[in-house]
Amino acid sequence: MKSFKNLLLITLGTFIVSLGITFFLIPAKLASGGVTGLAIVIQSVLPNIPIGAILLVLNVLLYIIGFIAIGPDFGAKTIYASFLLTGLISVLDAVFKLSGPLVQDPIVNLIMGVLISGVGLGIVFNQNASTGGTDIIAKVLNKRFGTDMGRALLMADLIVVVLASFVLGIELGIYALLGVVFNGYIIDNMIEGLRMKVSVSIISLKSDEIKHFIVEDIGRGATIYTAKGAYTSDEKEIITSVMDRKEFIRLKVFVKDHDPEAFIMISNVREVLGEGFF
């Protein structure tokens, strides 16, 4: 089930990426980084070659890097996502046959294209996969040097921006640079939002029931501290646990029903590593 969910999320993210690229970036010739941006530049020089074919050739050249530097699991999922993206773009391009951008304002096309594709890329990256191309280079930088995915992607995409400036003109090159920066920001925030967890600390007279609910019903671990109140000097237990937001909502309802006077402290945690988290 975990593998199926992982594959489903990669498919969903890749489909979202294809929508942003096909309907906004390609028609407006906005090469906002990545192999897709490089493919747009190449197609501008060689218009008779389908963009799907260009993407396929460019992605194949980078598969080996993903396998060697990151591992077969990442490489296999990346091959799936990149072939899927190529196929989806080819199908959408053939079905809708856009002769030009949906809107004439390049800024609107840039914002919509990068926003939609950035959300999709965030979903794909969060599953330890990529859609191929410079995403692979960004993932290598992320794994080897701990660079944030958005920043790593920005570094990998700068060469595409330079090429876009020469081939498509300085104006579209500037748009491409804005797209790369915006794309990195969207991806980092998307990944952070998906990985965000909640750290909960609870002081309650019904601590045994709450501990049992956290461990048995929610399926999370908990740590117990003994503390003394400053005003009453009474000793009480503090239950601390980390969980996702849906699990916290269940816990909050349970605590409210069983001990309305319980004291609960909540804080967001950007990332959690360890048993039960990945």
Protein backbone atom coordinates (compact mmCIF):
# COMPACT_ATOMS: atom_id res chain seq x y z
CA MET A 1 0.00 0.00 0.00
CA LYS A 2 2.87 2.36 0.79
CA SER A 3 4.47 1.71 -2.61
CA PHE A 4 1.12 2.16 -4.36
CA LYS A 5 0.50 5.46 -2.54
CA ASN A 6 4.01 6.59 -3.44
CA LEU A 7 3.45 5.77 -7.13
CA LEU A 8 0.04 7.43 -7.09
CA LEU A 9 1.47 10.67 -5.67
CA ILE A 10 4.30 10.66 -8.24
CA THR A 11 1.71 10.23 -11.01
CA LEU A 12 -0.45 13.03 -9.62
CA GLY A 13 2.51 15.39 -9.23
CA THR A 14 3.78 14.64 -12.74
CA PHE A 15 0.34 15.27 -14.22
CA ILE A 16 0.16 18.65 -12.47
CA VAL A 17 3.62 19.52 -13.83
CA SER A 18 2.50 18.64 -17.37
CA LEU A 19 -0.48 20.99 -17.10
CA GLY A 20 1.64 23.97 -16.14
CA ILE A 21 4.19 23.28 -18.87
CA THR A 22 1.76 22.48 -21.70
CA PHE A 23 -0.80 25.23 -21.20
CA PHE A 24 1.37 28.13 -20.04
CA LEU A 25 5.15 27.74 -20.44
CA ILE A 26 5.49 26.06 -23.86
CA PRO A 27 2.95 28.24 -25.78
CA ALA A 28 4.53 31.41 -24.38
CA LYS A 29 8.09 30.08 -25.05
CA LEU A 30 9.00 30.67 -21.42
CA ALA A 31 12.08 28.53 -20.76
CA SER A 32 11.84 28.66 -16.98
CA GLY A 33 14.76 26.33 -16.33
CA GLY A 34 15.11 22.58 -16.37
CA VAL A 35 15.33 20.20 -19.30
CA THR A 36 11.84 21.38 -20.27
CA GLY A 37 13.19 24.90 -20.59
CA LEU A 38 16.17 23.61 -22.56
CA ALA A 39 13.76 21.68 -24.82
CA ILE A 40 11.82 24.89 -25.45
CA VAL A 41 15.07 26.61 -26.46
CA ILE A 42 16.01 23.73 -28.79
CA GLN A 43 12.54 23.63 -30.36
CA SER A 44 12.80 27.35 -31.07
CA VAL A 45 15.88 26.55 -33.17
CA LEU A 46 14.51 23.26 -34.58
CA PRO A 47 10.72 23.79 -34.73
CA ASN A 48 10.01 20.58 -36.70
CA ILE A 49 11.11 18.31 -33.84
CA PRO A 50 8.30 17.52 -31.32
CA ILE A 51 9.07 18.79 -27.85
CA GLY A 52 8.24 15.38 -26.39
CA ALA A 53 11.03 13.78 -28.44
CA ILE A 54 13.52 16.43 -27.34
CA LEU A 55 12.59 15.84 -23.71
CA LEU A 56 13.06 12.08 -24.12
CA VAL A 57 16.58 12.40 -25.56
CA LEU A 58 17.71 14.93 -22.95
CA ASN A 59 16.33 12.91 -20.04
CA VAL A 60 17.98 9.66 -21.13
CA LEU A 61 21.37 11.39 -20.97
CA LEU A 62 20.85 12.15 -17.27
CA TYR A 63 19.40 8.82 -16.05
CA ILE A 64 22.82 7.31 -15.41
CA ILE A 65 23.71 10.17 -13.08
CA GLY A 66 20.60 9.50 -10.99
CA PHE A 67 21.33 5.77 -10.73
CA ILE A 68 24.98 6.21 -9.77
CA ALA A 69 24.76 9.22 -7.46
CA ILE A 70 21.46 8.62 -5.66
CA GLY A 71 20.56 4.96 -6.06
CA PRO A 72 18.33 2.59 -8.01
CA ASP A 73 15.14 3.45 -6.10
CA PHE A 74 15.42 7.13 -7.03
CA GLY A 75 16.54 6.21 -10.55
CA ALA A 76 13.60 3.88 -11.18
CA LYS A 77 11.01 6.37 -9.92
CA THR A 78 12.66 9.16 -11.90
CA ILE A 79 12.55 7.11 -15.12
CA TYR A 80 8.85 6.47 -14.52
CA ALA A 81 8.09 10.15 -13.80
CA SER A 82 10.15 11.49 -16.69
CA PHE A 83 8.65 9.09 -19.26
CA LEU A 84 5.21 9.86 -17.87
CA LEU A 85 5.85 13.62 -18.12
CA THR A 86 7.09 13.27 -21.69
CA GLY A 87 4.04 11.20 -22.63
CA LEU A 88 1.58 13.53 -20.92
CA ILE A 89 3.06 16.62 -22.58
CA SER A 90 2.98 14.89 -25.99
CA VAL A 91 -0.65 13.79 -25.51
CA LEU A 92 -1.84 17.17 -24.23
CA ASP A 93 0.03 18.95 -27.01
CA ALA A 94 -1.54 16.68 -29.66
CA VAL A 95 -5.06 16.86 -28.23
CA PHE A 96 -5.32 20.60 -27.60
CA LYS A 97 -2.92 21.83 -30.32
CA LEU A 98 -2.44 25.29 -28.85
CA SER A 99 -1.33 27.75 -31.52
CA GLY A 100 -0.36 30.31 -28.90
CA PRO A 101 -0.54 31.07 -25.19
CA LEU A 102 -3.88 31.03 -23.40
CA VAL A 103 -3.32 34.64 -22.34
CA GLN A 104 -1.15 37.25 -24.02
CA ASP A 105 0.51 38.62 -20.89
CA PRO A 106 3.84 36.74 -20.44
CA ILE A 107 3.88 37.54 -16.70
CA VAL A 108 0.54 35.78 -16.22
CA ASN A 109 1.77 32.78 -18.23
CA LEU A 110 4.97 32.71 -16.21
CA ILE A 111 3.25 32.91 -12.82
CA MET A 112 0.59 30.32 -13.68
CA GLY A 113 3.00 27.94 -15.39
CA VAL A 114 5.60 28.03 -12.63
CA LEU A 115 3.01 27.94 -9.84
CA ILE A 116 1.22 24.88 -11.24
CA SER A 117 4.37 22.98 -12.22
CA GLY A 118 6.10 23.96 -8.94
CA VAL A 119 3.30 22.41 -6.90
CA GLY A 120 3.57 19.23 -8.95
CA LEU A 121 7.36 19.10 -8.61
CA GLY A 122 7.07 19.56 -4.84
CA ILE A 123 4.82 16.49 -4.66
CA VAL A 124 7.22 14.45 -6.83
CA PHE A 125 10.35 15.51 -4.92
CA ASN A 126 8.66 14.65 -1.61
CA GLN A 127 8.38 11.03 -2.82
CA ASN A 128 12.17 10.84 -3.38
CA ALA A 129 11.75 11.09 -7.13
CA SER A 130 12.12 13.71 -9.85
CA THR A 131 10.80 14.36 -13.34
CA GLY A 132 14.28 13.97 -14.82
CA GLY A 133 16.67 16.49 -16.33
CA THR A 134 18.15 19.16 -14.10
CA ASP A 135 15.87 17.89 -11.33
CA ILE A 136 18.32 14.97 -11.07
CA ILE A 137 21.24 17.36 -10.65
CA ALA A 138 19.29 19.27 -7.99
CA LYS A 139 18.54 16.02 -6.14
CA VAL A 140 22.24 15.09 -6.21
CA LEU A 141 23.15 18.48 -4.71
CA ASN A 142 20.40 18.02 -2.11
CA LYS A 143 21.60 14.56 -1.09
CA ARG A 144 25.35 15.14 -1.21
CA PHE A 145 25.53 18.68 0.20
CA GLY A 146 22.19 19.18 1.99
CA THR A 147 21.20 22.05 -0.32
CA ASP A 148 17.49 22.93 -0.28
CA MET A 149 15.77 21.50 -3.35
CA GLY A 150 14.58 24.90 -4.57
CA ARG A 151 18.04 26.43 -4.25
CA ALA A 152 19.70 23.39 -5.86
CA LEU A 153 17.27 23.59 -8.77
CA LEU A 154 18.04 27.30 -9.17
CA MET A 155 21.76 26.54 -9.40
CA ALA A 156 21.18 23.78 -11.96
CA ASP A 157 18.85 25.91 -14.10
CA LEU A 158 21.00 29.02 -14.51
CA ILE A 159 22.64 27.67 -17.67
CA VAL A 160 19.19 27.25 -19.25
CA VAL A 161 18.41 30.88 -18.46
CA VAL A 162 21.62 31.99 -20.18
CA LEU A 163 20.78 29.93 -23.30
CA ALA A 164 17.23 31.29 -23.31
CA SER A 165 18.60 34.83 -23.29
CA PHE A 166 20.73 34.14 -26.39
CA VAL A 167 18.15 32.15 -28.38
CA LEU A 168 14.82 33.68 -27.34
CA GLY A 169 15.97 37.20 -26.56
CA ILE A 170 16.89 39.09 -23.42
CA GLU A 171 13.26 39.79 -22.49
CA LEU A 172 12.27 36.12 -22.43
CA GLY A 173 15.60 35.37 -20.74
CA ILE A 174 14.67 37.71 -17.90
CA TYR A 175 11.27 36.05 -17.66
CA ALA A 176 13.07 32.69 -17.51
CA LEU A 177 15.23 33.94 -14.63
CA LEU A 178 12.16 35.13 -12.74
CA GLY A 179 10.55 31.75 -13.40
CA VAL A 180 13.55 29.85 -12.03
CA VAL A 181 13.62 31.92 -8.83
CA PHE A 182 9.85 31.67 -8.36
CA ASN A 183 9.94 27.94 -9.09
CA GLY A 184 12.59 27.33 -6.42
CA TYR A 185 10.56 29.29 -3.87
CA ILE A 186 7.37 27.36 -4.67
CA ILE A 187 9.10 23.97 -4.48
CA ASP A 188 10.81 24.65 -1.14
CA ASN A 189 7.58 25.88 0.43
CA MET A 190 5.59 23.00 -1.05
CA ILE A 191 8.00 20.37 0.29
CA GLU A 192 8.16 22.07 3.69
CA GLY A 193 4.37 22.14 3.88
CA LEU A 194 4.09 18.45 2.99
CA ARG A 195 6.69 17.49 5.60
CA MET A 196 5.37 19.76 8.35
CA LYS A 197 4.52 17.94 11.57
CA VAL A 198 3.08 19.04 14.88
CA SER A 199 4.85 18.75 18.22
CA VAL A 200 2.35 18.47 21.08
CA SER A 201 2.87 18.83 24.84
CA ILE A 202 -0.08 18.03 27.11
CA ILE A 203 -0.55 18.51 30.86
CA SER A 204 -3.64 16.67 32.07
CA LEU A 205 -5.09 14.84 35.04
CA LYS A 206 -6.21 12.16 32.58
CA SER A 207 -2.71 11.43 31.28
CA ASP A 208 -3.15 7.63 31.26
CA GLU A 209 -6.13 7.82 28.90
CA ILE A 210 -4.34 10.31 26.66
CA LYS A 211 -1.17 8.19 26.52
CA HIS A 212 -3.22 5.14 25.59
CA PHE A 213 -5.03 7.06 22.83
CA ILE A 214 -1.76 8.37 21.33
CA VAL A 215 -0.05 4.98 21.33
CA GLU A 216 -2.93 2.61 20.57
CA ASP A 217 -5.37 4.68 18.48
CA ILE A 218 -3.14 7.16 16.67
CA GLY A 219 -0.14 4.84 16.51
CA ARG A 220 2.46 7.38 17.58
CA GLY A 221 5.08 7.26 20.30
CA ALA A 222 5.12 9.58 23.29
CA THR A 223 7.58 10.75 25.92
CA ILE A 224 6.58 11.44 29.52
CA TYR A 225 8.15 14.09 31.74
CA THR A 226 7.42 14.77 35.38
CA ALA A 227 7.12 18.47 36.27
CA LYS A 228 6.12 20.55 39.27
CA GLY A 229 3.71 23.46 39.01
CA ALA A 230 5.13 26.83 40.11
CA TYR A 231 1.89 27.93 41.82
CA THR A 232 0.61 24.71 43.43
CA SER A 233 3.89 22.75 43.63
CA ASP A 234 1.88 19.70 42.52
CA GLU A 235 3.70 17.15 40.40
CA LYS A 236 2.12 16.40 37.02
CA GLU A 237 3.00 14.48 33.90
CA ILE A 238 3.78 16.21 30.63
CA ILE A 239 3.07 14.09 27.56
CA THR A 240 4.98 15.05 24.41
CA SER A 241 4.50 13.57 20.94
CA VAL A 242 5.03 14.39 17.27
CA MET A 243 2.38 13.67 14.64
CA ASP A 244 0.82 15.03 11.47
CA ARG A 245 -2.02 17.56 11.48
CA LYS A 246 -4.81 15.06 10.85
CA GLU A 247 -3.64 12.99 13.81
CA PHE A 248 -3.43 16.09 15.98
CA ILE A 249 -7.04 17.01 15.18
CA ARG A 250 -8.12 13.56 16.43
CA LEU A 251 -6.02 14.01 19.58
CA LYS A 252 -7.39 17.49 20.23
CA VAL A 253 -10.98 16.25 20.03
CA PHE A 254 -10.18 13.33 22.35
CA VAL A 255 -8.50 15.55 24.96
CA LYS A 256 -11.31 18.10 24.82
CA ASP A 257 -13.90 15.36 25.43
CA HIS A 258 -12.00 13.66 28.27
CA ASP A 259 -10.36 16.61 30.03
CA PRO A 260 -11.59 20.10 29.03
CA GLU A 261 -9.16 21.65 31.53
CA ALA A 262 -6.06 20.05 30.00
CA PHE A 263 -3.23 22.40 29.02
CA ILE A 264 -1.99 21.81 25.43
CA MET A 265 1.02 23.42 23.73
CA ILE A 266 1.46 23.03 19.95
CA SER A 267 4.35 23.97 17.70
CA ASN A 268 5.15 23.25 14.04
CA VAL A 269 8.12 21.02 13.21
CA ARG A 270 9.65 21.44 9.75
CA GLU A 271 10.94 17.89 9.43
CA VAL A 272 11.11 14.73 11.54
CA LEU A 273 13.50 11.83 11.03
CA GLY A 274 13.28 8.51 12.83
CA GLU A 275 10.97 5.59 13.40
CA GLY A 276 7.51 6.18 11.98
CA PHE A 277 8.70 9.10 9.82
CA PHE A 278 10.58 9.20 6.51
